[in-house]
Amino acid sequence: MKRPIHAEDAAPRLSPSVYPEPFAARVTGRVKKPLGDVFGLTTFGVNLTRLAPKSLSALKHAHAKQDEFIYVLEGTPTLVQGDERTVLEPGMCAGFKAGTGEAHHLINESEADAVYLEMGDRGPGDVVTYPEDDLRADLVDGRWVMTHKDGTPY
């Protein structure tokens, strides 16, 4: 049995990003603490994520099979969802249904850190599309395989 912890005490993810360059540099300032991993969760993930000012949560993306959910704890990140922008504040949440093709991400346009919980399932066979970038991610045997949109590897 794993004992409860303070979420802030969790170790950050070892690799700050699975994106290849030049994309990885665009999420500099993002720190994820994989809380679900601390407890050995395998069917869904939970991350405590901190975005420094001017940081991105991810490239604008849409999942084919993974539902996502975020809950803002601190700060005022801006949710970019399709062509809409919404400034979020503590206590606000948003969900992103898989398979809709609706791309989204957060940008911290403020001068203070933003902190939020992100949750998503870990089902096999997910594909992530990035409408604004030449990038595709396929979940293969529990690992993300990043390619160009035409399928050629990075």
N, C-alpha and C. Protein backbone atom coordinates (compact mmCIF):
# COMPACT_ATOMS: atom_id res chain seq x y z
N MET A 1 0.85 -1.18 0.00
CA MET A 1 0.00 0.00 0.00
C MET A 1 0.89 1.24 0.00
N LYS A 2 0.63 2.14 -0.93
CA LYS A 2 1.37 3.39 -1.01
C LYS A 2 0.69 4.42 -0.13
N ARG A 3 1.44 5.05 0.74
CA ARG A 3 0.91 6.05 1.67
C ARG A 3 0.62 7.36 0.96
N PRO A 4 -0.36 8.13 1.43
CA PRO A 4 -0.65 9.44 0.85
C PRO A 4 0.58 10.36 0.92
N ILE A 5 0.65 11.27 -0.04
CA ILE A 5 1.74 12.23 -0.09
C ILE A 5 1.18 13.63 -0.31
N HIS A 6 2.00 14.63 -0.12
CA HIS A 6 1.68 15.99 -0.58
C HIS A 6 2.06 16.03 -2.05
N ALA A 7 1.15 16.43 -2.90
CA ALA A 7 1.37 16.40 -4.34
C ALA A 7 2.63 17.16 -4.74
N GLU A 8 2.89 18.28 -4.12
CA GLU A 8 4.09 19.07 -4.46
C GLU A 8 5.38 18.31 -4.17
N ASP A 9 5.33 17.30 -3.29
CA ASP A 9 6.52 16.52 -2.95
C ASP A 9 6.86 15.45 -3.99
N ALA A 10 5.97 15.20 -4.92
CA ALA A 10 6.23 14.20 -5.95
C ALA A 10 7.38 14.65 -6.84
N ALA A 11 8.15 13.71 -7.32
CA ALA A 11 9.27 14.02 -8.21
C ALA A 11 8.74 14.43 -9.59
N PRO A 12 9.39 15.39 -10.23
CA PRO A 12 8.98 15.75 -11.59
C PRO A 12 9.32 14.64 -12.57
N ARG A 13 8.63 14.64 -13.70
CA ARG A 13 8.90 13.68 -14.75
C ARG A 13 10.37 13.80 -15.18
N LEU A 14 11.04 12.69 -15.38
CA LEU A 14 12.47 12.70 -15.71
C LEU A 14 12.76 13.42 -17.02
N SER A 15 11.96 13.14 -18.03
CA SER A 15 12.13 13.82 -19.31
C SER A 15 11.05 14.89 -19.42
N PRO A 16 11.45 16.15 -19.58
CA PRO A 16 10.44 17.20 -19.59
C PRO A 16 9.46 17.13 -20.76
N SER A 17 9.82 16.42 -21.84
CA SER A 17 8.93 16.34 -22.99
C SER A 17 9.23 15.10 -23.82
N VAL A 18 8.20 14.53 -24.46
CA VAL A 18 8.41 13.45 -25.42
C VAL A 18 8.51 14.01 -26.84
N TYR A 19 8.32 15.30 -27.00
CA TYR A 19 8.42 15.92 -28.32
C TYR A 19 9.86 15.91 -28.81
N PRO A 20 10.04 15.68 -30.12
CA PRO A 20 11.37 15.88 -30.70
C PRO A 20 11.63 17.38 -30.87
N GLU A 21 12.89 17.75 -31.02
CA GLU A 21 13.19 19.15 -31.37
C GLU A 21 12.75 19.38 -32.81
N PRO A 22 12.28 20.55 -33.13
CA PRO A 22 12.31 21.79 -32.36
C PRO A 22 11.12 21.98 -31.43
N PHE A 23 10.23 20.99 -31.36
CA PHE A 23 9.00 21.13 -30.60
C PHE A 23 9.21 21.13 -29.09
N ALA A 24 10.16 20.33 -28.61
CA ALA A 24 10.39 20.23 -27.16
C ALA A 24 10.71 21.59 -26.55
N ALA A 25 11.44 22.41 -27.27
CA ALA A 25 11.82 23.74 -26.75
C ALA A 25 10.60 24.61 -26.50
N ARG A 26 9.50 24.35 -27.20
CA ARG A 26 8.30 25.18 -27.05
C ARG A 26 7.56 24.94 -25.74
N VAL A 27 7.88 23.84 -25.03
CA VAL A 27 7.24 23.59 -23.74
C VAL A 27 8.21 23.80 -22.57
N THR A 28 9.31 24.49 -22.84
CA THR A 28 10.23 24.86 -21.77
C THR A 28 9.46 25.69 -20.75
N GLY A 29 9.66 25.42 -19.48
CA GLY A 29 8.91 26.12 -18.44
C GLY A 29 7.73 25.34 -17.92
N ARG A 30 7.50 24.15 -18.47
CA ARG A 30 6.44 23.26 -18.01
C ARG A 30 7.08 22.16 -17.18
N VAL A 31 6.56 21.95 -15.96
CA VAL A 31 7.04 20.87 -15.10
C VAL A 31 5.85 20.00 -14.71
N LYS A 32 5.94 18.71 -15.05
CA LYS A 32 4.87 17.75 -14.73
C LYS A 32 5.34 16.82 -13.62
N LYS A 33 4.48 16.64 -12.64
CA LYS A 33 4.71 15.65 -11.58
C LYS A 33 3.66 14.57 -11.75
N PRO A 34 4.08 13.38 -12.21
CA PRO A 34 3.12 12.30 -12.51
C PRO A 34 2.60 11.63 -11.24
N LEU A 35 1.53 12.18 -10.70
CA LEU A 35 0.98 11.68 -9.43
C LEU A 35 0.43 10.27 -9.56
N GLY A 36 -0.19 9.95 -10.68
CA GLY A 36 -0.71 8.60 -10.87
C GLY A 36 0.38 7.55 -10.80
N ASP A 37 1.55 7.87 -11.34
CA ASP A 37 2.67 6.92 -11.32
C ASP A 37 3.14 6.65 -9.90
N VAL A 38 3.08 7.65 -9.04
CA VAL A 38 3.51 7.48 -7.64
C VAL A 38 2.75 6.33 -6.99
N PHE A 39 1.49 6.18 -7.37
CA PHE A 39 0.63 5.16 -6.76
C PHE A 39 0.47 3.92 -7.64
N GLY A 40 1.22 3.85 -8.73
CA GLY A 40 1.16 2.67 -9.60
C GLY A 40 -0.10 2.58 -10.44
N LEU A 41 -0.79 3.70 -10.67
CA LEU A 41 -2.01 3.67 -11.48
C LEU A 41 -1.67 3.35 -12.93
N THR A 42 -2.44 2.49 -13.54
CA THR A 42 -2.14 2.08 -14.90
C THR A 42 -3.27 2.37 -15.91
N THR A 43 -4.50 2.57 -15.45
CA THR A 43 -5.58 2.81 -16.40
C THR A 43 -5.85 4.28 -16.66
N PHE A 44 -5.38 5.15 -15.77
CA PHE A 44 -5.47 6.59 -16.03
C PHE A 44 -4.29 7.29 -15.37
N GLY A 45 -3.97 8.47 -15.90
CA GLY A 45 -2.87 9.25 -15.37
C GLY A 45 -3.37 10.54 -14.75
N VAL A 46 -2.62 11.03 -13.78
CA VAL A 46 -2.89 12.32 -13.14
C VAL A 46 -1.56 13.03 -13.01
N ASN A 47 -1.48 14.23 -13.52
CA ASN A 47 -0.27 15.03 -13.40
C ASN A 47 -0.58 16.34 -12.69
N LEU A 48 0.31 16.74 -11.80
CA LEU A 48 0.30 18.08 -11.24
C LEU A 48 1.26 18.87 -12.12
N THR A 49 0.75 19.84 -12.84
CA THR A 49 1.56 20.55 -13.82
C THR A 49 1.68 22.02 -13.44
N ARG A 50 2.91 22.52 -13.53
CA ARG A 50 3.21 23.92 -13.25
C ARG A 50 3.72 24.55 -14.55
N LEU A 51 3.09 25.66 -14.94
CA LEU A 51 3.53 26.40 -16.12
C LEU A 51 4.11 27.73 -15.67
N ALA A 52 5.36 27.95 -16.00
CA ALA A 52 5.98 29.24 -15.75
C ALA A 52 5.35 30.28 -16.68
N PRO A 53 5.49 31.56 -16.37
CA PRO A 53 4.98 32.59 -17.27
C PRO A 53 5.49 32.39 -18.70
N LYS A 54 4.59 32.57 -19.65
CA LYS A 54 4.85 32.46 -21.10
C LYS A 54 5.06 31.03 -21.58
N SER A 55 4.77 30.03 -20.75
CA SER A 55 4.95 28.62 -21.12
C SER A 55 3.67 28.03 -21.73
N LEU A 56 3.86 26.96 -22.50
CA LEU A 56 2.76 26.18 -23.07
C LEU A 56 2.61 24.87 -22.31
N SER A 57 1.38 24.40 -22.19
CA SER A 57 1.14 23.09 -21.60
C SER A 57 1.56 21.97 -22.55
N ALA A 58 1.36 22.21 -23.82
CA ALA A 58 1.62 21.24 -24.89
C ALA A 58 1.48 21.99 -26.21
N LEU A 59 1.84 21.35 -27.29
CA LEU A 59 1.48 21.89 -28.59
C LEU A 59 -0.02 21.72 -28.73
N LYS A 60 -0.64 22.54 -29.54
CA LYS A 60 -2.08 22.43 -29.76
C LYS A 60 -2.34 21.05 -30.38
N HIS A 61 -3.22 20.26 -29.72
CA HIS A 61 -3.37 18.86 -30.10
C HIS A 61 -4.79 18.35 -29.85
N ALA A 62 -5.06 17.18 -30.45
CA ALA A 62 -6.33 16.48 -30.23
C ALA A 62 -6.04 14.98 -30.17
N HIS A 63 -6.67 14.30 -29.21
CA HIS A 63 -6.51 12.86 -29.04
C HIS A 63 -7.63 12.11 -29.76
N ALA A 64 -7.29 10.97 -30.36
CA ALA A 64 -8.29 10.13 -31.00
C ALA A 64 -9.05 9.29 -29.97
N LYS A 65 -8.34 8.81 -28.92
CA LYS A 65 -8.97 7.88 -27.98
C LYS A 65 -8.90 8.31 -26.52
N GLN A 66 -8.09 9.29 -26.18
CA GLN A 66 -7.92 9.66 -24.77
C GLN A 66 -8.74 10.89 -24.42
N ASP A 67 -9.69 10.71 -23.49
CA ASP A 67 -10.36 11.86 -22.91
C ASP A 67 -9.37 12.56 -21.98
N GLU A 68 -9.47 13.87 -21.88
CA GLU A 68 -8.62 14.65 -20.97
C GLU A 68 -9.49 15.57 -20.13
N PHE A 69 -8.96 15.89 -18.95
CA PHE A 69 -9.65 16.78 -18.03
C PHE A 69 -8.60 17.60 -17.29
N ILE A 70 -8.85 18.89 -17.12
CA ILE A 70 -7.96 19.74 -16.32
C ILE A 70 -8.75 20.48 -15.26
N TYR A 71 -8.07 20.76 -14.13
CA TYR A 71 -8.66 21.53 -13.03
C TYR A 71 -7.59 22.51 -12.55
N VAL A 72 -7.89 23.81 -12.61
CA VAL A 72 -6.92 24.85 -12.27
C VAL A 72 -6.88 25.05 -10.76
N LEU A 73 -5.66 24.99 -10.21
CA LEU A 73 -5.42 25.19 -8.78
C LEU A 73 -4.91 26.59 -8.46
N GLU A 74 -4.00 27.10 -9.29
CA GLU A 74 -3.39 28.42 -9.08
C GLU A 74 -3.19 29.10 -10.42
N GLY A 75 -3.21 30.41 -10.41
CA GLY A 75 -2.88 31.19 -11.60
C GLY A 75 -4.03 31.31 -12.58
N THR A 76 -3.70 31.88 -13.75
CA THR A 76 -4.73 32.17 -14.76
C THR A 76 -4.24 31.77 -16.16
N PRO A 77 -4.13 30.48 -16.41
CA PRO A 77 -3.73 30.06 -17.77
C PRO A 77 -4.84 30.34 -18.77
N THR A 78 -4.46 30.53 -20.02
CA THR A 78 -5.43 30.74 -21.09
C THR A 78 -5.62 29.43 -21.84
N LEU A 79 -6.86 28.98 -21.92
CA LEU A 79 -7.20 27.80 -22.69
C LEU A 79 -7.44 28.22 -24.13
N VAL A 80 -6.70 27.62 -25.04
CA VAL A 80 -6.92 27.82 -26.47
C VAL A 80 -7.57 26.54 -26.96
N GLN A 81 -8.81 26.67 -27.40
CA GLN A 81 -9.62 25.52 -27.79
C GLN A 81 -10.24 25.86 -29.15
N GLY A 82 -9.73 25.20 -30.20
CA GLY A 82 -10.14 25.61 -31.54
C GLY A 82 -9.64 27.03 -31.76
N ASP A 83 -10.54 27.94 -32.15
CA ASP A 83 -10.19 29.34 -32.34
C ASP A 83 -10.55 30.20 -31.14
N GLU A 84 -11.10 29.58 -30.09
CA GLU A 84 -11.52 30.34 -28.90
C GLU A 84 -10.43 30.37 -27.84
N ARG A 85 -10.39 31.48 -27.11
CA ARG A 85 -9.45 31.65 -26.00
C ARG A 85 -10.26 32.01 -24.76
N THR A 86 -9.97 31.30 -23.64
CA THR A 86 -10.67 31.54 -22.39
C THR A 86 -9.64 31.61 -21.27
N VAL A 87 -9.63 32.72 -20.53
CA VAL A 87 -8.74 32.82 -19.37
C VAL A 87 -9.39 32.04 -18.23
N LEU A 88 -8.67 31.05 -17.71
CA LEU A 88 -9.15 30.23 -16.61
C LEU A 88 -8.62 30.79 -15.30
N GLU A 89 -9.32 30.48 -14.22
CA GLU A 89 -8.88 30.90 -12.89
C GLU A 89 -9.05 29.73 -11.94
N PRO A 90 -8.44 29.81 -10.76
CA PRO A 90 -8.55 28.70 -9.81
C PRO A 90 -10.00 28.27 -9.58
N GLY A 91 -10.20 26.96 -9.59
CA GLY A 91 -11.53 26.39 -9.43
C GLY A 91 -12.21 26.07 -10.74
N MET A 92 -11.69 26.58 -11.86
CA MET A 92 -12.29 26.27 -13.16
C MET A 92 -11.73 24.96 -13.68
N CYS A 93 -12.51 24.29 -14.52
CA CYS A 93 -12.08 23.04 -15.11
C CYS A 93 -12.55 22.98 -16.55
N ALA A 94 -11.95 22.07 -17.30
CA ALA A 94 -12.34 21.86 -18.69
C ALA A 94 -12.09 20.40 -19.04
N GLY A 95 -12.89 19.88 -19.95
CA GLY A 95 -12.73 18.51 -20.41
C GLY A 95 -12.66 18.47 -21.92
N PHE A 96 -11.96 17.48 -22.44
CA PHE A 96 -11.74 17.36 -23.86
C PHE A 96 -12.04 15.93 -24.28
N LYS A 97 -13.16 15.75 -24.94
CA LYS A 97 -13.62 14.42 -25.36
C LYS A 97 -12.76 13.92 -26.52
N ALA A 98 -12.36 12.68 -26.43
CA ALA A 98 -11.57 12.05 -27.48
C ALA A 98 -12.37 11.94 -28.76
N GLY A 99 -11.65 11.96 -29.88
CA GLY A 99 -12.27 11.68 -31.17
C GLY A 99 -12.99 12.83 -31.82
N THR A 100 -13.02 14.00 -31.19
CA THR A 100 -13.73 15.14 -31.77
C THR A 100 -12.87 15.90 -32.77
N GLY A 101 -11.54 15.75 -32.67
CA GLY A 101 -10.64 16.53 -33.52
C GLY A 101 -10.46 17.95 -33.04
N GLU A 102 -11.10 18.30 -31.91
CA GLU A 102 -11.01 19.66 -31.39
C GLU A 102 -9.67 19.84 -30.67
N ALA A 103 -8.78 20.59 -31.29
CA ALA A 103 -7.44 20.78 -30.74
C ALA A 103 -7.46 21.83 -29.62
N HIS A 104 -6.55 21.66 -28.67
CA HIS A 104 -6.50 22.53 -27.50
C HIS A 104 -5.11 22.53 -26.88
N HIS A 105 -4.86 23.53 -26.06
CA HIS A 105 -3.71 23.58 -25.16
C HIS A 105 -3.87 24.79 -24.25
N LEU A 106 -2.99 24.89 -23.27
CA LEU A 106 -2.97 26.04 -22.36
C LEU A 106 -1.73 26.86 -22.63
N ILE A 107 -1.86 28.16 -22.46
CA ILE A 107 -0.74 29.10 -22.52
C ILE A 107 -0.79 29.93 -21.25
N ASN A 108 0.33 30.06 -20.58
CA ASN A 108 0.37 30.94 -19.40
C ASN A 108 0.83 32.31 -19.87
N GLU A 109 -0.11 33.19 -20.12
CA GLU A 109 0.20 34.54 -20.59
C GLU A 109 0.34 35.53 -19.45
N SER A 110 0.27 35.03 -18.23
CA SER A 110 0.36 35.90 -17.05
C SER A 110 1.81 36.02 -16.59
N GLU A 111 2.01 36.79 -15.53
CA GLU A 111 3.35 36.98 -14.96
C GLU A 111 3.61 36.06 -13.77
N ALA A 112 2.66 35.19 -13.43
CA ALA A 112 2.80 34.27 -12.30
C ALA A 112 2.63 32.83 -12.79
N ASP A 113 3.18 31.89 -12.04
CA ASP A 113 3.01 30.48 -12.39
C ASP A 113 1.53 30.11 -12.39
N ALA A 114 1.19 29.15 -13.23
CA ALA A 114 -0.14 28.53 -13.23
C ALA A 114 0.06 27.07 -12.84
N VAL A 115 -0.82 26.54 -12.01
CA VAL A 115 -0.74 25.15 -11.55
C VAL A 115 -2.10 24.51 -11.77
N TYR A 116 -2.09 23.31 -12.33
CA TYR A 116 -3.35 22.60 -12.58
C TYR A 116 -3.12 21.10 -12.52
N LEU A 117 -4.22 20.39 -12.31
CA LEU A 117 -4.22 18.93 -12.41
C LEU A 117 -4.71 18.57 -13.80
N GLU A 118 -4.04 17.60 -14.42
CA GLU A 118 -4.52 17.07 -15.70
C GLU A 118 -4.69 15.57 -15.55
N MET A 119 -5.78 15.07 -16.09
CA MET A 119 -6.11 13.66 -15.99
C MET A 119 -6.50 13.13 -17.36
N GLY A 120 -6.10 11.89 -17.62
CA GLY A 120 -6.47 11.26 -18.88
C GLY A 120 -6.31 9.76 -18.76
N ASP A 121 -7.03 9.04 -19.60
CA ASP A 121 -6.92 7.58 -19.55
C ASP A 121 -5.65 7.15 -20.26
N ARG A 122 -5.28 5.89 -20.08
CA ARG A 122 -4.05 5.37 -20.67
C ARG A 122 -4.34 4.18 -21.59
N GLY A 123 -5.48 4.21 -22.22
CA GLY A 123 -5.86 3.11 -23.10
C GLY A 123 -4.93 2.98 -24.29
N PRO A 124 -4.78 1.78 -24.83
CA PRO A 124 -3.88 1.55 -25.96
C PRO A 124 -4.40 2.15 -27.26
N GLY A 125 -3.48 2.39 -28.18
CA GLY A 125 -3.86 2.77 -29.53
C GLY A 125 -4.22 4.22 -29.76
N ASP A 126 -3.91 5.09 -28.82
CA ASP A 126 -4.24 6.50 -29.01
C ASP A 126 -3.37 7.10 -30.10
N VAL A 127 -3.92 8.07 -30.81
CA VAL A 127 -3.20 8.84 -31.82
C VAL A 127 -3.47 10.30 -31.51
N VAL A 128 -2.41 11.10 -31.53
CA VAL A 128 -2.55 12.54 -31.28
C VAL A 128 -2.17 13.29 -32.55
N THR A 129 -3.06 14.20 -32.95
CA THR A 129 -2.79 15.05 -34.10
C THR A 129 -2.50 16.46 -33.62
N TYR A 130 -1.66 17.15 -34.39
CA TYR A 130 -1.21 18.51 -34.07
C TYR A 130 -1.50 19.37 -35.31
N PRO A 131 -2.65 20.03 -35.37
CA PRO A 131 -3.05 20.70 -36.60
C PRO A 131 -2.13 21.84 -37.03
N GLU A 132 -1.39 22.43 -36.11
CA GLU A 132 -0.54 23.57 -36.45
C GLU A 132 0.92 23.19 -36.65
N ASP A 133 1.26 21.91 -36.48
CA ASP A 133 2.65 21.46 -36.57
C ASP A 133 2.75 20.17 -37.37
N ASP A 134 3.93 19.94 -37.97
CA ASP A 134 4.19 18.71 -38.72
C ASP A 134 4.59 17.62 -37.73
N LEU A 135 3.59 17.11 -37.01
CA LEU A 135 3.84 16.16 -35.94
C LEU A 135 2.62 15.27 -35.76
N ARG A 136 2.91 14.03 -35.40
CA ARG A 136 1.88 13.05 -35.07
C ARG A 136 2.47 12.17 -33.97
N ALA A 137 1.63 11.75 -33.02
CA ALA A 137 2.07 10.87 -31.95
C ALA A 137 1.17 9.64 -31.91
N ASP A 138 1.79 8.46 -31.88
CA ASP A 138 1.06 7.21 -31.78
C ASP A 138 1.50 6.50 -30.51
N LEU A 139 0.53 6.04 -29.72
CA LEU A 139 0.84 5.29 -28.51
C LEU A 139 1.01 3.82 -28.89
N VAL A 140 2.25 3.35 -28.81
CA VAL A 140 2.59 1.98 -29.21
C VAL A 140 3.27 1.29 -28.03
N ASP A 141 2.65 0.22 -27.54
CA ASP A 141 3.19 -0.54 -26.41
C ASP A 141 3.52 0.37 -25.21
N GLY A 142 2.63 1.32 -24.95
CA GLY A 142 2.78 2.19 -23.79
C GLY A 142 3.76 3.33 -23.97
N ARG A 143 4.30 3.51 -25.17
CA ARG A 143 5.28 4.59 -25.43
C ARG A 143 4.82 5.43 -26.61
N TRP A 144 5.08 6.73 -26.54
CA TRP A 144 4.72 7.62 -27.64
C TRP A 144 5.78 7.55 -28.73
N VAL A 145 5.33 7.32 -29.96
CA VAL A 145 6.19 7.31 -31.14
C VAL A 145 5.83 8.57 -31.94
N MET A 146 6.82 9.45 -32.08
CA MET A 146 6.60 10.73 -32.73
C MET A 146 7.09 10.66 -34.19
N THR A 147 6.22 11.09 -35.11
CA THR A 147 6.57 11.10 -36.53
C THR A 147 6.09 12.41 -37.16
N HIS A 148 6.57 12.63 -38.39
CA HIS A 148 6.00 13.70 -39.20
C HIS A 148 4.58 13.26 -39.57
N LYS A 149 3.76 14.19 -40.05
CA LYS A 149 2.39 13.85 -40.43
C LYS A 149 2.34 12.79 -41.54
N ASP A 150 3.39 12.72 -42.37
CA ASP A 150 3.40 11.71 -43.43
C ASP A 150 3.90 10.35 -42.94
N GLY A 151 4.22 10.24 -41.65
CA GLY A 151 4.64 8.97 -41.06
C GLY A 151 6.14 8.76 -40.98
N THR A 152 6.93 9.64 -41.57
CA THR A 152 8.38 9.48 -41.49
C THR A 152 8.84 9.85 -40.08
N PRO A 153 9.82 9.11 -39.56
CA PRO A 153 10.27 9.34 -38.18
C PRO A 153 11.09 10.62 -38.02
N TYR A 154 11.11 11.10 -36.79
CA TYR A 154 12.00 12.22 -36.44
C TYR A 154 13.34 11.66 -36.05
